[in-house]
C-alpha cells in the first residue's frame, strides 16, 4: 500500500461512521471524485482491511463504501 492509499484509508476510517467523507473534502484532499475514491477504498478494504477495525466496524465501513459507490453512479 502506497502513502496515498494509506492516507485515503486513514481519512475514511475517520469518516465512515458519518457516512463517509464529503465529496468536497475528498476532491480537495485527494483530487478524486466520489466514484474513484470509493472504488479505490472498496479495493483496499478487500485486499488489505485495516487491522485496527473490528469485524463489525469493517462491515459498517464496507456498507458505507457500497452505498457511496451506488450514489456515485
N, C-alpha and C. Protein backbone atom coordinates (compact mmCIF):
# COMPACT_ATOMS: atom_id res chain seq x y z
N UNK A 1 0.86 -1.17 0.00
CA UNK A 1 0.00 0.00 0.00
C UNK A 1 0.90 1.24 0.00
N UNK A 2 0.66 2.13 -0.94
CA UNK A 2 1.49 3.34 -1.01
C UNK A 2 0.98 4.41 -0.04
N UNK A 3 1.71 5.51 0.03
CA UNK A 3 1.41 6.57 1.00
C UNK A 3 0.02 7.18 0.76
N UNK A 4 -0.33 7.39 -0.50
CA UNK A 4 -1.64 7.99 -0.80
C UNK A 4 -2.76 7.04 -0.38
N UNK A 5 -2.60 5.77 -0.63
CA UNK A 5 -3.62 4.80 -0.24
C UNK A 5 -3.75 4.74 1.29
N UNK A 6 -2.65 4.84 1.98
CA UNK A 6 -2.68 4.86 3.45
C UNK A 6 -3.42 6.10 3.95
N UNK A 7 -3.18 7.24 3.29
CA UNK A 7 -3.88 8.48 3.67
C UNK A 7 -5.38 8.35 3.40
N UNK A 8 -5.73 7.76 2.27
CA UNK A 8 -7.13 7.56 1.93
C UNK A 8 -7.82 6.67 2.97
N UNK A 9 -7.15 5.61 3.33
CA UNK A 9 -7.71 4.70 4.32
C UNK A 9 -7.87 5.37 5.68
N UNK A 10 -6.88 6.13 6.09
CA UNK A 10 -6.95 6.85 7.36
C UNK A 10 -8.11 7.86 7.33
N UNK A 11 -8.26 8.54 6.21
CA UNK A 11 -9.35 9.51 6.04
C UNK A 11 -10.71 8.82 6.21
N UNK A 12 -10.88 7.71 5.51
CA UNK A 12 -12.17 7.04 5.56
C UNK A 12 -12.42 6.40 6.92
N UNK A 13 -11.38 5.96 7.61
CA UNK A 13 -11.55 5.42 8.96
C UNK A 13 -12.10 6.48 9.90
N UNK A 14 -11.75 7.73 9.66
CA UNK A 14 -12.27 8.83 10.47
C UNK A 14 -13.72 9.15 10.14
N UNK A 15 -14.11 8.95 8.88
CA UNK A 15 -15.40 9.44 8.41
C UNK A 15 -16.48 8.39 8.17
N UNK A 16 -16.15 7.11 8.11
CA UNK A 16 -17.17 6.13 7.71
C UNK A 16 -18.37 6.10 8.67
N UNK A 17 -18.15 6.39 9.94
CA UNK A 17 -19.26 6.37 10.91
C UNK A 17 -20.31 7.44 10.58
N UNK A 18 -19.88 8.46 9.84
CA UNK A 18 -20.78 9.55 9.47
C UNK A 18 -21.22 9.46 8.01
N UNK A 19 -21.06 8.29 7.41
CA UNK A 19 -21.47 8.10 6.02
C UNK A 19 -20.37 8.37 5.02
N UNK A 20 -19.14 8.50 5.47
CA UNK A 20 -18.01 8.77 4.57
C UNK A 20 -17.72 10.25 4.50
N UNK A 21 -16.54 10.56 4.03
CA UNK A 21 -16.13 11.96 3.89
C UNK A 21 -16.97 12.67 2.84
N UNK A 22 -17.04 13.98 2.96
CA UNK A 22 -17.82 14.75 1.98
C UNK A 22 -17.14 14.74 0.61
N UNK A 23 -17.94 14.90 -0.41
CA UNK A 23 -17.41 14.95 -1.77
C UNK A 23 -16.37 16.05 -1.91
N UNK A 24 -16.66 17.19 -1.30
CA UNK A 24 -15.76 18.33 -1.37
C UNK A 24 -14.41 18.00 -0.70
N UNK A 25 -14.46 17.41 0.49
CA UNK A 25 -13.23 17.07 1.21
C UNK A 25 -12.41 16.04 0.44
N UNK A 26 -13.08 15.07 -0.16
CA UNK A 26 -12.39 14.03 -0.94
C UNK A 26 -11.71 14.66 -2.14
N UNK A 27 -12.43 15.50 -2.85
CA UNK A 27 -11.87 16.16 -4.03
C UNK A 27 -10.71 17.07 -3.66
N UNK A 28 -10.88 17.83 -2.60
CA UNK A 28 -9.85 18.77 -2.19
C UNK A 28 -8.58 18.06 -1.70
N UNK A 29 -8.76 17.01 -0.94
CA UNK A 29 -7.61 16.33 -0.33
C UNK A 29 -6.92 15.35 -1.27
N UNK A 30 -7.71 14.65 -2.12
CA UNK A 30 -7.14 13.59 -2.93
C UNK A 30 -7.24 13.83 -4.44
N UNK A 31 -7.98 14.85 -4.84
CA UNK A 31 -8.12 15.14 -6.27
C UNK A 31 -8.93 14.08 -7.00
N UNK A 32 -9.84 13.41 -6.28
CA UNK A 32 -10.64 12.35 -6.87
C UNK A 32 -12.12 12.66 -6.70
N UNK A 33 -12.92 12.15 -7.63
CA UNK A 33 -14.37 12.24 -7.43
C UNK A 33 -14.80 11.09 -6.52
N UNK A 34 -16.04 11.11 -6.09
CA UNK A 34 -16.54 10.08 -5.17
C UNK A 34 -16.37 8.68 -5.74
N UNK A 35 -16.74 8.51 -6.98
CA UNK A 35 -16.69 7.17 -7.59
C UNK A 35 -15.27 6.62 -7.56
N UNK A 36 -14.29 7.42 -7.96
CA UNK A 36 -12.91 6.94 -7.98
C UNK A 36 -12.38 6.68 -6.57
N UNK A 37 -12.70 7.58 -5.65
CA UNK A 37 -12.24 7.41 -4.27
C UNK A 37 -12.82 6.14 -3.65
N UNK A 38 -14.12 5.96 -3.75
CA UNK A 38 -14.75 4.82 -3.11
C UNK A 38 -14.49 3.51 -3.85
N UNK A 39 -14.21 3.57 -5.13
CA UNK A 39 -13.78 2.37 -5.86
C UNK A 39 -12.43 1.91 -5.32
N UNK A 40 -11.53 2.85 -5.12
CA UNK A 40 -10.22 2.51 -4.55
C UNK A 40 -10.36 2.03 -3.11
N UNK A 41 -11.23 2.66 -2.34
CA UNK A 41 -11.45 2.21 -0.97
C UNK A 41 -12.01 0.79 -0.94
N UNK A 42 -12.93 0.49 -1.84
CA UNK A 42 -13.50 -0.85 -1.92
C UNK A 42 -12.41 -1.87 -2.19
N UNK A 43 -11.54 -1.55 -3.11
CA UNK A 43 -10.43 -2.45 -3.43
C UNK A 43 -9.51 -2.62 -2.23
N UNK A 44 -9.18 -1.52 -1.58
CA UNK A 44 -8.26 -1.57 -0.44
C UNK A 44 -8.80 -2.41 0.72
N UNK A 45 -10.07 -2.24 1.07
CA UNK A 45 -10.59 -3.00 2.21
C UNK A 45 -10.78 -4.47 1.86
N UNK A 46 -10.84 -4.80 0.58
CA UNK A 46 -10.90 -6.21 0.18
C UNK A 46 -9.51 -6.84 0.25
N UNK A 47 -8.50 -6.09 -0.20
CA UNK A 47 -7.13 -6.61 -0.26
C UNK A 47 -6.40 -6.50 1.07
N UNK A 48 -6.48 -5.33 1.69
CA UNK A 48 -5.76 -5.07 2.95
C UNK A 48 -6.68 -4.39 3.96
N UNK A 49 -7.61 -5.13 4.54
CA UNK A 49 -8.51 -4.50 5.51
C UNK A 49 -7.74 -3.96 6.71
N UNK A 50 -8.13 -2.80 7.21
CA UNK A 50 -7.42 -2.21 8.34
C UNK A 50 -7.47 -3.13 9.57
N UNK A 51 -6.32 -3.47 10.09
CA UNK A 51 -6.24 -4.37 11.25
C UNK A 51 -6.78 -3.70 12.52
N UNK A 52 -6.88 -2.39 12.50
CA UNK A 52 -7.33 -1.65 13.68
C UNK A 52 -8.85 -1.64 13.83
N UNK A 53 -9.57 -2.17 12.83
CA UNK A 53 -11.03 -2.19 12.89
C UNK A 53 -11.52 -3.57 13.31
N UNK A 54 -12.56 -3.59 14.12
CA UNK A 54 -13.19 -4.86 14.47
C UNK A 54 -13.97 -5.35 13.25
N UNK A 55 -14.43 -6.58 13.34
CA UNK A 55 -15.21 -7.15 12.24
C UNK A 55 -16.47 -6.34 11.98
N UNK A 56 -17.14 -5.91 13.02
CA UNK A 56 -18.37 -5.12 12.83
C UNK A 56 -18.06 -3.74 12.27
N UNK A 57 -16.97 -3.14 12.69
CA UNK A 57 -16.58 -1.83 12.13
C UNK A 57 -16.23 -1.96 10.65
N UNK A 58 -15.51 -3.02 10.30
CA UNK A 58 -15.15 -3.24 8.90
C UNK A 58 -16.40 -3.48 8.06
N UNK A 59 -17.36 -4.22 8.61
CA UNK A 59 -18.62 -4.46 7.91
C UNK A 59 -19.34 -3.14 7.66
N UNK A 60 -19.36 -2.26 8.66
CA UNK A 60 -20.01 -0.95 8.51
C UNK A 60 -19.28 -0.09 7.48
N UNK A 61 -17.94 -0.12 7.51
CA UNK A 61 -17.18 0.66 6.53
C UNK A 61 -17.48 0.17 5.11
N UNK A 62 -17.52 -1.14 4.93
CA UNK A 62 -17.84 -1.69 3.59
C UNK A 62 -19.23 -1.30 3.15
N UNK A 63 -20.17 -1.26 4.08
CA UNK A 63 -21.53 -0.85 3.76
C UNK A 63 -21.57 0.60 3.29
N UNK A 64 -20.83 1.47 3.98
CA UNK A 64 -20.76 2.88 3.59
C UNK A 64 -20.13 3.01 2.20
N UNK A 65 -19.06 2.27 1.96
CA UNK A 65 -18.39 2.32 0.66
C UNK A 65 -19.34 1.89 -0.44
N UNK A 66 -20.06 0.79 -0.24
CA UNK A 66 -21.02 0.33 -1.27
C UNK A 66 -22.11 1.36 -1.50
N UNK A 67 -22.62 1.94 -0.42
CA UNK A 67 -23.67 2.95 -0.56
C UNK A 67 -23.16 4.16 -1.34
N UNK A 68 -21.96 4.63 -1.03
CA UNK A 68 -21.43 5.80 -1.73
C UNK A 68 -21.13 5.48 -3.19
N UNK A 69 -20.69 4.25 -3.48
CA UNK A 69 -20.50 3.86 -4.88
C UNK A 69 -21.82 3.85 -5.62
N UNK A 70 -22.86 3.34 -4.99
CA UNK A 70 -24.17 3.31 -5.61
C UNK A 70 -24.65 4.74 -5.89
N UNK A 71 -24.43 5.64 -4.93
CA UNK A 71 -24.86 7.03 -5.10
C UNK A 71 -24.06 7.75 -6.19
N UNK A 72 -22.84 7.31 -6.45
CA UNK A 72 -21.96 7.98 -7.41
C UNK A 72 -22.17 7.49 -8.84
N UNK A 73 -23.12 6.57 -9.05
CA UNK A 73 -23.35 6.04 -10.41
C UNK A 73 -23.68 7.11 -11.39
